[in-house]
């Protein structure tokens, strides 16, 4: 058994307080199976001005439950500009000496699991693993630069994109194993034309998921009074998430305008915040869109209670070419655990909704198509209820107990 597992995730800092998230849950279950996980993260909190004070040191150690965290010094930043890039580079530069110092004090690991969002963490993992003479598993949770290209922030044929694609291919070649969170990860590599240079047998799939017991406990313990949500004279459709340009919530407002002309008992409840919230609220007033209610930001622990009380939950974001490789948004698995029908405003490959018959998806992401599937669901309560039950049953396939068993298989065979 390869016992000591180092998990590197730049943005895992919030897990120290929240005791939740992909790598916290994997670490919890690794502990239960006799492993010794340690999570490495940055001192800065993503999307926050908070940070952990490390004084003059390069790193410090924190405990969260039974899980040790090694906190690597990084500079403050906000937004997605130059300072965030400096923060990424700083994490890359500081995690290497941190790993060496920590190994001197605590012994080197048996395996490093280096996880993106950004690829520098993966590069550092490969580099240090080689120095230690151990395997490195690279976990890809966001495709760089493909996701940046898909959202229009970078041209595919630009010099920067070409350099990033070559770096991505290098990671896949050098990693001892590659975990992708989308089922279509292997197809992505084939589409890039890299399958002849990369050993496809080492490409694995471990989805995001849910801790069902924690979800249920939160839904009972953190019940939020909400008169709109509990008003059964409406069929309340819940969206829970950010309200930013990338989320493209204007599509939902356009959909709501169409629906209110056909059925005045269907209502959209939007939970979340972001820099487009005020603009969208003003648009509702100006255009007399009366079936959308912006509920504001709620604490994450309240979300299970909200999702369970919806008529159906809406999975929505800007549709891109990335959709063909599958779906693995964290909120999606909360939607499944809620046991309500899922309405997806776009179509994705390797569809979990289709596989488990637990929801419906629009063929094309436009207001007319989204309105059509919403009206179909809301006009058939029996079907909606059955799809909700199917969603709950599907959630058990994505419980982190099962996902950790998949990770253990990768660890022991790397």
Protein backbone atom coordinates (compact mmCIF):
# COMPACT_ATOMS: atom_id res chain seq x y z
CA UNK A 1 0.00 0.00 0.00
CA UNK A 2 1.27 3.46 -0.96
CA UNK A 3 0.36 5.19 2.28
CA UNK A 4 1.50 8.82 2.19
CA UNK A 5 -0.49 10.83 -0.34
CA UNK A 6 0.21 14.52 -0.95
CA UNK A 7 -2.69 16.36 -2.60
CA UNK A 8 -1.77 19.67 -4.24
CA UNK A 9 -4.61 22.10 -4.89
CA UNK A 10 -3.81 25.81 -5.05
CA UNK A 11 -7.41 26.76 -4.19
CA UNK A 12 -8.10 24.29 -1.35
CA UNK A 13 -7.58 26.96 1.34
CA UNK A 14 -11.31 27.36 2.04
CA UNK A 15 -11.52 23.66 2.86
CA UNK A 16 -9.61 24.28 6.09
CA UNK A 17 -12.58 26.17 7.51
CA UNK A 18 -15.42 24.59 5.53
CA UNK A 19 -14.29 20.97 6.00
CA UNK A 20 -15.81 20.30 2.59
CA UNK A 21 -14.86 20.08 -1.08
CA UNK A 22 -13.50 17.48 -3.47
CA UNK A 23 -10.06 17.03 -1.96
CA UNK A 24 -11.22 17.30 1.64
CA UNK A 25 -13.74 14.53 1.01
CA UNK A 26 -11.22 12.39 -0.86
CA UNK A 27 -8.75 12.90 2.00
CA UNK A 28 -11.39 11.96 4.59
CA UNK A 29 -12.12 8.71 2.80
CA UNK A 30 -8.43 7.99 2.17
CA UNK A 31 -7.92 8.26 5.95
CA UNK A 32 -10.72 5.76 6.56
CA UNK A 33 -8.96 3.37 4.17
CA UNK A 34 -5.64 3.55 6.01
CA UNK A 35 -3.85 6.23 3.96
CA UNK A 36 -2.11 9.37 5.23
CA UNK A 37 -3.24 12.31 3.07
CA UNK A 38 -1.83 15.85 3.33
CA UNK A 39 -3.32 18.76 1.37
CA UNK A 40 -1.08 21.57 0.07
CA UNK A 41 -2.77 24.91 -0.73
CA UNK A 42 -2.12 28.66 -1.09
CA UNK A 43 -2.24 31.13 1.80
CA UNK A 44 -4.74 33.29 -0.14
CA UNK A 45 -8.46 32.51 -0.33
CA UNK A 46 -9.83 32.47 -3.89
CA UNK A 47 -12.41 35.23 -4.60
CA UNK A 48 -11.76 36.79 -1.19
CA UNK A 49 -9.46 39.35 0.41
CA UNK A 50 -8.75 36.93 3.26
CA UNK A 51 -5.42 35.17 3.67
CA UNK A 52 -3.55 33.06 6.21
CA UNK A 53 -0.66 34.91 7.80
CA UNK A 54 2.60 33.01 7.38
CA UNK A 55 4.85 35.85 8.62
CA UNK A 56 8.39 35.46 7.25
CA UNK A 57 8.12 31.75 6.49
CA UNK A 58 7.43 30.10 3.14
CA UNK A 59 4.76 27.78 4.56
CA UNK A 60 2.87 26.83 7.70
CA UNK A 61 0.90 23.78 8.78
CA UNK A 62 -2.78 23.77 9.77
CA UNK A 63 -5.10 21.02 10.94
CA UNK A 64 -8.70 20.62 9.78
CA UNK A 65 -10.31 17.73 11.58
CA UNK A 66 -7.85 14.89 11.13
CA UNK A 67 -6.46 16.26 7.87
CA UNK A 68 -3.17 18.23 7.82
CA UNK A 69 -2.90 21.20 5.46
CA UNK A 70 0.39 22.71 4.31
CA UNK A 71 -0.26 26.38 3.50
CA UNK A 72 2.13 27.88 0.93
CA UNK A 73 2.84 31.62 0.95
CA UNK A 74 1.29 33.55 -1.96
CA UNK A 75 0.58 37.26 -2.55
CA UNK A 76 -2.89 38.83 -2.40
CA UNK A 77 -4.87 39.35 -5.62
CA UNK A 78 -8.38 40.13 -6.80
CA UNK A 79 -10.13 39.41 -10.09
CA UNK A 80 -8.57 37.58 -13.03
CA UNK A 81 -5.88 40.03 -14.04
CA UNK A 82 -2.11 40.26 -13.76
CA UNK A 83 -2.06 39.90 -9.96
CA UNK A 84 -3.81 36.53 -10.16
CA UNK A 85 -1.17 35.29 -12.61
CA UNK A 86 1.54 36.50 -10.21
CA UNK A 87 -0.26 34.58 -7.44
CA UNK A 88 -0.19 31.39 -9.56
CA UNK A 89 3.50 31.76 -10.39
CA UNK A 90 4.27 32.44 -6.73
CA UNK A 91 2.50 29.24 -5.68
CA UNK A 92 4.49 27.30 -8.27
CA UNK A 93 7.80 28.79 -7.12
CA UNK A 94 7.10 28.38 -3.39
CA UNK A 95 5.56 24.92 -3.39
CA UNK A 96 8.82 23.35 -4.64
CA UNK A 97 11.01 24.43 -1.68
CA UNK A 98 8.02 23.84 0.62
CA UNK A 99 7.77 20.23 -0.57
CA UNK A 100 11.48 19.65 0.02
CA UNK A 101 11.42 21.23 3.50
CA UNK A 102 8.27 19.39 4.50
CA UNK A 103 9.70 16.08 3.30
CA UNK A 104 12.81 16.63 5.44
CA UNK A 105 10.61 17.07 8.52
CA UNK A 106 7.93 14.45 7.80
CA UNK A 107 9.35 12.09 5.18
CA UNK A 108 8.62 12.12 1.47
CA UNK A 109 5.26 10.91 0.14
CA UNK A 110 4.58 7.72 -1.78
CA UNK A 111 2.50 9.57 -4.39
CA UNK A 112 1.75 13.19 -5.33
CA UNK A 113 -1.75 13.99 -6.63
CA UNK A 114 -1.34 17.40 -8.30
CA UNK A 115 -4.64 18.99 -9.25
CA UNK A 116 -5.39 21.92 -11.54
CA UNK A 117 -7.33 24.50 -11.92
CA UNK A 118 -4.18 26.05 -13.41
CA UNK A 119 -1.45 23.86 -14.98
CA UNK A 120 1.55 25.20 -13.01
CA UNK A 121 0.51 23.03 -10.06
CA UNK A 122 0.73 19.99 -12.32
CA UNK A 123 4.15 21.02 -13.63
CA UNK A 124 5.41 21.45 -10.05
CA UNK A 125 3.99 18.04 -9.08
CA UNK A 126 5.77 16.29 -11.95
CA UNK A 127 9.02 18.12 -11.17
CA UNK A 128 9.07 17.31 -7.43
CA UNK A 129 7.85 13.74 -7.92
CA UNK A 130 10.77 13.11 -10.27
CA UNK A 131 13.18 14.53 -7.70
CA UNK A 132 11.72 12.29 -4.98
CA UNK A 133 11.64 9.25 -7.28
CA UNK A 134 7.89 8.75 -6.83
CA UNK A 135 4.88 8.79 -9.20
CA UNK A 136 2.82 11.90 -9.90
CA UNK A 137 -0.88 11.70 -10.70
CA UNK A 138 -2.10 14.82 -12.52
CA UNK A 139 -5.76 15.64 -12.00
CA UNK A 140 -7.32 17.93 -14.62
CA UNK A 141 -10.42 19.79 -13.44
CA UNK A 142 -10.22 22.63 -15.95
CA UNK A 143 -8.84 22.44 -19.48
CA UNK A 144 -6.19 25.13 -19.99
CA UNK A 145 -6.12 26.68 -22.52
CA UNK A 146 -9.18 25.01 -24.09
CA UNK A 147 -11.62 26.57 -21.61
CA UNK A 148 -10.11 30.04 -22.13
CA UNK A 149 -10.44 29.58 -25.90
CA UNK A 150 -14.01 28.27 -25.54
CA UNK A 151 -15.11 31.36 -23.64
CA UNK A 152 -13.52 33.67 -26.20
CA UNK A 153 -10.74 35.10 -24.04
CA UNK A 154 -7.94 33.62 -26.16
CA UNK A 155 -7.64 32.89 -29.88
CA UNK A 156 -6.93 29.22 -30.62
CA UNK A 157 -4.20 30.02 -33.16
CA UNK A 158 -2.48 32.71 -31.11
CA UNK A 159 1.13 32.19 -30.02
CA UNK A 160 0.11 32.14 -26.33
CA UNK A 161 -2.51 29.45 -26.97
CA UNK A 162 -0.07 27.31 -28.96
CA UNK A 163 2.50 27.49 -26.15
CA UNK A 164 -0.15 26.56 -23.56
CA UNK A 165 -1.39 23.62 -25.67
CA UNK A 166 2.18 22.31 -25.95
CA UNK A 167 2.56 22.64 -22.19
CA UNK A 168 -0.69 20.76 -21.68
CA UNK A 169 0.46 17.93 -23.93
CA UNK A 170 3.79 17.79 -22.04
CA UNK A 171 1.90 17.32 -18.75
CA UNK A 172 -0.13 14.42 -20.15
CA UNK A 173 3.02 12.77 -21.49
CA UNK A 174 5.08 13.17 -18.31
CA UNK A 175 2.42 12.37 -15.70
CA UNK A 176 2.37 8.79 -14.43
CA UNK A 177 -1.42 8.91 -14.55
CA UNK A 178 -3.98 11.53 -15.58
CA UNK A 179 -7.37 11.87 -13.91
CA UNK A 180 -10.03 13.88 -15.74
CA UNK A 181 -13.28 14.92 -14.11
CA UNK A 182 -15.24 14.59 -17.39
CA UNK A 183 -16.06 11.24 -18.88
CA UNK A 184 -15.04 12.55 -22.31
CA UNK A 185 -11.48 13.41 -21.27
CA UNK A 186 -9.99 10.69 -23.43
CA UNK A 187 -11.96 11.95 -26.43
CA UNK A 188 -10.59 15.44 -25.83
CA UNK A 189 -7.03 14.13 -26.17
CA UNK A 190 -8.00 12.23 -29.34
CA UNK A 191 -9.61 15.38 -30.78
CA UNK A 192 -6.39 17.27 -30.11
CA UNK A 193 -4.52 14.63 -32.14
CA UNK A 194 -2.28 13.68 -29.21
CA UNK A 195 -3.36 10.05 -28.74
CA UNK A 196 -0.36 8.70 -30.67
CA UNK A 197 2.09 10.49 -28.36
CA UNK A 198 0.29 9.90 -25.05
CA UNK A 199 -0.32 6.53 -23.41
CA UNK A 200 -4.13 6.49 -23.40
CA UNK A 201 -4.21 3.67 -20.83
CA UNK A 202 -3.14 6.12 -18.14
CA UNK A 203 -6.08 8.49 -18.78
CA UNK A 204 -8.69 7.88 -16.07
CA UNK A 205 -12.05 9.40 -15.19
CA UNK A 206 -13.11 10.32 -11.65
CA UNK A 207 -16.06 12.67 -11.61
CA UNK A 208 -16.88 15.36 -9.08
CA UNK A 209 -19.51 14.23 -6.63
CA UNK A 210 -21.26 14.62 -3.30
CA UNK A 211 -21.22 13.40 0.30
CA UNK A 212 -24.87 12.40 0.53
CA UNK A 213 -24.97 12.08 4.33
CA UNK A 214 -23.53 15.59 4.74
CA UNK A 215 -25.96 16.96 2.16
CA UNK A 216 -28.93 15.44 4.00
CA UNK A 217 -27.65 16.56 7.41
CA UNK A 218 -27.26 20.13 6.15
CA UNK A 219 -30.74 20.11 4.64
CA UNK A 220 -32.19 19.24 8.07
CA UNK A 221 -29.85 21.23 10.30
CA UNK A 222 -29.71 24.40 8.22
CA UNK A 223 -33.31 24.84 7.13
CA UNK A 224 -33.92 28.32 5.78
CA UNK A 225 -37.35 29.89 6.06
CA UNK A 226 -38.40 31.07 2.61
CA UNK A 227 -41.99 32.09 1.89
CA UNK A 228 -41.43 32.21 -1.89
CA UNK A 229 -39.93 28.74 -2.03
CA UNK A 230 -42.66 27.24 0.16
CA UNK A 231 -45.51 28.84 -1.76
CA UNK A 232 -47.05 25.77 -3.43
CA UNK A 233 -49.37 27.84 -5.58
CA UNK A 234 -46.28 28.19 -7.84
CA UNK A 235 -44.01 25.64 -9.47
CA UNK A 236 -40.72 27.09 -8.31
CA UNK A 237 -37.67 26.51 -10.49
CA UNK A 238 -34.41 27.13 -8.61
CA UNK A 239 -31.11 28.37 -9.99
CA UNK A 240 -28.30 28.43 -7.38
CA UNK A 241 -24.96 29.89 -8.40
CA UNK A 242 -23.02 32.93 -9.49
CA UNK A 243 -24.56 35.80 -11.42
CA UNK A 244 -21.74 36.90 -13.70
CA UNK A 245 -21.25 37.39 -17.42
CA UNK A 246 -19.95 33.84 -17.89
CA UNK A 247 -23.18 32.47 -16.36
CA UNK A 248 -25.26 34.21 -19.03
CA UNK A 249 -28.42 34.52 -16.92
CA UNK A 250 -29.96 36.77 -19.55
CA UNK A 251 -31.06 33.53 -21.26
CA UNK A 252 -33.13 32.63 -18.19
CA UNK A 253 -34.78 36.06 -18.18
CA UNK A 254 -35.65 35.70 -21.87
CA UNK A 255 -37.05 32.24 -21.10
CA UNK A 256 -39.09 33.61 -18.19
CA UNK A 257 -40.64 36.26 -20.49
CA UNK A 258 -41.86 33.53 -22.84
CA UNK A 259 -43.19 31.34 -20.03
CA UNK A 260 -45.16 34.05 -18.24
CA UNK A 261 -47.24 34.46 -21.40
CA UNK A 262 -48.14 30.74 -21.29
CA UNK A 263 -48.29 29.87 -17.59
CA UNK A 264 -48.34 32.38 -14.73
CA UNK A 265 -47.80 29.68 -12.10
CA UNK A 266 -44.20 28.89 -13.03
CA UNK A 267 -41.63 31.01 -11.23
CA UNK A 268 -37.82 31.30 -11.28
CA UNK A 269 -36.05 31.73 -7.93
CA UNK A 270 -32.42 32.78 -8.36
CA UNK A 271 -30.08 32.29 -5.40
CA UNK A 272 -26.64 33.84 -5.68
CA UNK A 273 -24.73 37.04 -6.24
CA UNK A 274 -22.38 38.55 -8.78
CA UNK A 275 -21.61 41.69 -10.71
CA UNK A 276 -24.57 41.26 -13.12
CA UNK A 277 -27.26 40.86 -10.44
CA UNK A 278 -28.29 44.52 -10.28
CA UNK A 279 -28.38 44.86 -14.06
CA UNK A 280 -30.62 41.80 -14.39
CA UNK A 281 -32.94 42.98 -11.61
CA UNK A 282 -33.33 46.32 -13.37
CA UNK A 283 -34.07 44.52 -16.61
CA UNK A 284 -36.88 42.57 -14.92
CA UNK A 285 -38.45 45.84 -13.74
CA UNK A 286 -38.05 47.57 -17.09
CA UNK A 287 -39.43 44.66 -19.13
CA UNK A 288 -42.13 43.60 -16.65
CA UNK A 289 -40.65 40.14 -16.13
CA UNK A 290 -42.71 39.25 -13.08
CA UNK A 291 -41.92 35.56 -12.67
CA UNK A 292 -38.26 35.96 -11.62
CA UNK A 293 -37.26 36.57 -8.01
CA UNK A 294 -33.66 37.32 -7.08
CA UNK A 295 -33.16 35.87 -3.62
CA UNK A 296 -29.58 37.03 -3.07
CA UNK A 297 -26.58 35.15 -1.75
CA UNK A 298 -27.15 32.41 0.81
CA UNK A 299 -24.64 30.40 2.83
CA UNK A 300 -23.57 27.18 1.12
CA UNK A 301 -24.87 25.09 4.03
CA UNK A 302 -28.39 26.38 3.27
CA UNK A 303 -28.36 25.19 -0.35
CA UNK A 304 -29.43 21.55 0.30
CA UNK A 305 -32.59 22.70 2.06
CA UNK A 306 -33.40 25.04 -0.82
CA UNK A 307 -32.77 22.54 -3.61
CA UNK A 308 -34.89 19.85 -1.95
CA UNK A 309 -37.92 22.16 -1.83
CA UNK A 310 -37.85 23.23 -5.49
CA UNK A 311 -40.24 21.84 -8.07
CA UNK A 312 -37.18 21.42 -10.31
CA UNK A 313 -33.61 22.75 -10.31
CA UNK A 314 -32.03 24.55 -13.25
CA UNK A 315 -28.50 23.71 -14.42
CA UNK A 316 -27.39 26.69 -16.46
CA UNK A 317 -24.22 28.34 -17.71
CA UNK A 318 -22.94 29.56 -21.06
CA UNK A 319 -22.91 26.63 -23.46
CA UNK A 320 -19.54 26.08 -25.17
CA UNK A 321 -17.70 23.43 -27.19
CA UNK A 322 -16.48 22.01 -23.87
CA UNK A 323 -19.95 20.54 -23.27
CA UNK A 324 -19.23 17.65 -25.63
CA UNK A 325 -16.82 16.15 -23.08
CA UNK A 326 -19.43 15.76 -20.33
CA UNK A 327 -20.55 17.50 -17.18
CA UNK A 328 -18.91 17.70 -13.80
CA UNK A 329 -20.02 20.92 -12.11
CA UNK A 330 -20.09 20.60 -8.32
CA UNK A 331 -23.61 22.02 -8.14
CA UNK A 332 -24.89 19.36 -10.54
CA UNK A 333 -24.27 16.61 -7.99
CA UNK A 334 -26.05 18.65 -5.31
CA UNK A 335 -28.98 18.86 -7.72
CA UNK A 336 -28.97 15.07 -8.04
CA UNK A 337 -28.84 14.56 -4.27
CA UNK A 338 -31.81 16.94 -3.85
CA UNK A 339 -34.01 14.38 -5.57
CA UNK A 340 -35.73 16.87 -7.87
CA UNK A 341 -35.91 16.90 -11.65
CA UNK A 342 -32.94 18.69 -13.25
CA UNK A 343 -33.59 21.09 -16.13
CA UNK A 344 -30.41 21.65 -18.16
CA UNK A 345 -30.48 24.61 -20.52
CA UNK A 346 -28.03 23.02 -22.96
CA UNK A 347 -26.98 19.59 -24.23
CA UNK A 348 -23.80 17.83 -23.16
CA UNK A 349 -21.99 14.70 -24.25
CA UNK A 350 -21.84 11.68 -21.95
CA UNK A 351 -25.08 12.98 -20.44
CA UNK A 352 -25.78 11.84 -16.89
CA UNK A 353 -29.33 13.15 -17.25
CA UNK A 354 -29.96 10.81 -20.17
CA UNK A 355 -28.12 7.87 -18.62
CA UNK A 356 -30.20 7.95 -15.44
CA UNK A 357 -33.35 9.60 -16.88
CA UNK A 358 -33.24 12.21 -14.15
CA UNK A 359 -33.95 15.40 -16.08
CA UNK A 360 -34.31 17.12 -19.41
CA UNK A 361 -31.95 19.20 -21.52
CA UNK A 362 -32.50 21.75 -24.26
CA UNK A 363 -31.22 20.71 -27.68
CA UNK A 364 -30.03 24.27 -28.32
CA UNK A 365 -29.41 26.89 -25.64
CA UNK A 366 -31.92 29.50 -26.68
CA UNK A 367 -34.95 30.87 -24.78
CA UNK A 368 -37.52 29.16 -27.00
CA UNK A 369 -36.01 25.70 -26.56
CA UNK A 370 -35.47 26.16 -22.81
CA UNK A 371 -39.05 27.41 -22.37
CA UNK A 372 -40.33 24.41 -24.32
CA UNK A 373 -38.69 21.80 -22.06
CA UNK A 374 -39.69 23.70 -18.90
CA UNK A 375 -43.33 23.76 -19.96
CA UNK A 376 -43.19 20.05 -20.81
CA UNK A 377 -41.83 19.19 -17.35
CA UNK A 378 -44.22 21.46 -15.48
CA UNK A 379 -47.22 20.02 -17.35
CA UNK A 380 -46.41 16.45 -16.27
CA UNK A 381 -46.07 16.19 -12.49
CA UNK A 382 -45.83 12.40 -12.52
CA UNK A 383 -42.88 12.49 -14.92
CA UNK A 384 -41.17 15.27 -12.97
CA UNK A 385 -41.53 13.32 -9.72
CA UNK A 386 -40.14 10.14 -11.27
CA UNK A 387 -37.15 11.96 -12.71
CA UNK A 388 -36.54 13.44 -9.26
CA UNK A 389 -36.45 9.96 -7.73
CA UNK A 390 -34.08 8.85 -10.49
CA UNK A 391 -31.84 11.83 -9.72
CA UNK A 392 -31.58 10.83 -6.07
CA UNK A 393 -30.75 7.23 -7.02
CA UNK A 394 -28.09 8.47 -9.44
CA UNK A 395 -26.48 10.59 -6.70
CA UNK A 396 -25.34 7.45 -4.87
CA UNK A 397 -23.13 6.58 -7.85
CA UNK A 398 -21.25 9.85 -7.26
CA UNK A 399 -20.86 9.65 -3.49
CA UNK A 400 -17.24 10.32 -2.52
CA UNK A 401 -16.97 6.91 -0.85
CA UNK A 402 -17.28 5.37 -4.32
CA UNK A 403 -15.13 8.03 -5.98
CA UNK A 404 -12.36 7.49 -3.41
CA UNK A 405 -12.32 3.78 -4.22
CA UNK A 406 -11.65 4.74 -7.85
CA UNK A 407 -8.81 7.01 -6.71
CA UNK A 408 -7.31 4.24 -4.57
CA UNK A 409 -7.29 1.96 -7.62
CA UNK A 410 -5.34 4.63 -9.56
CA UNK A 411 -2.92 5.19 -6.66
CA UNK A 412 -2.14 1.51 -6.20
CA UNK A 413 -1.62 0.88 -9.90
CA UNK A 414 0.41 3.97 -10.78
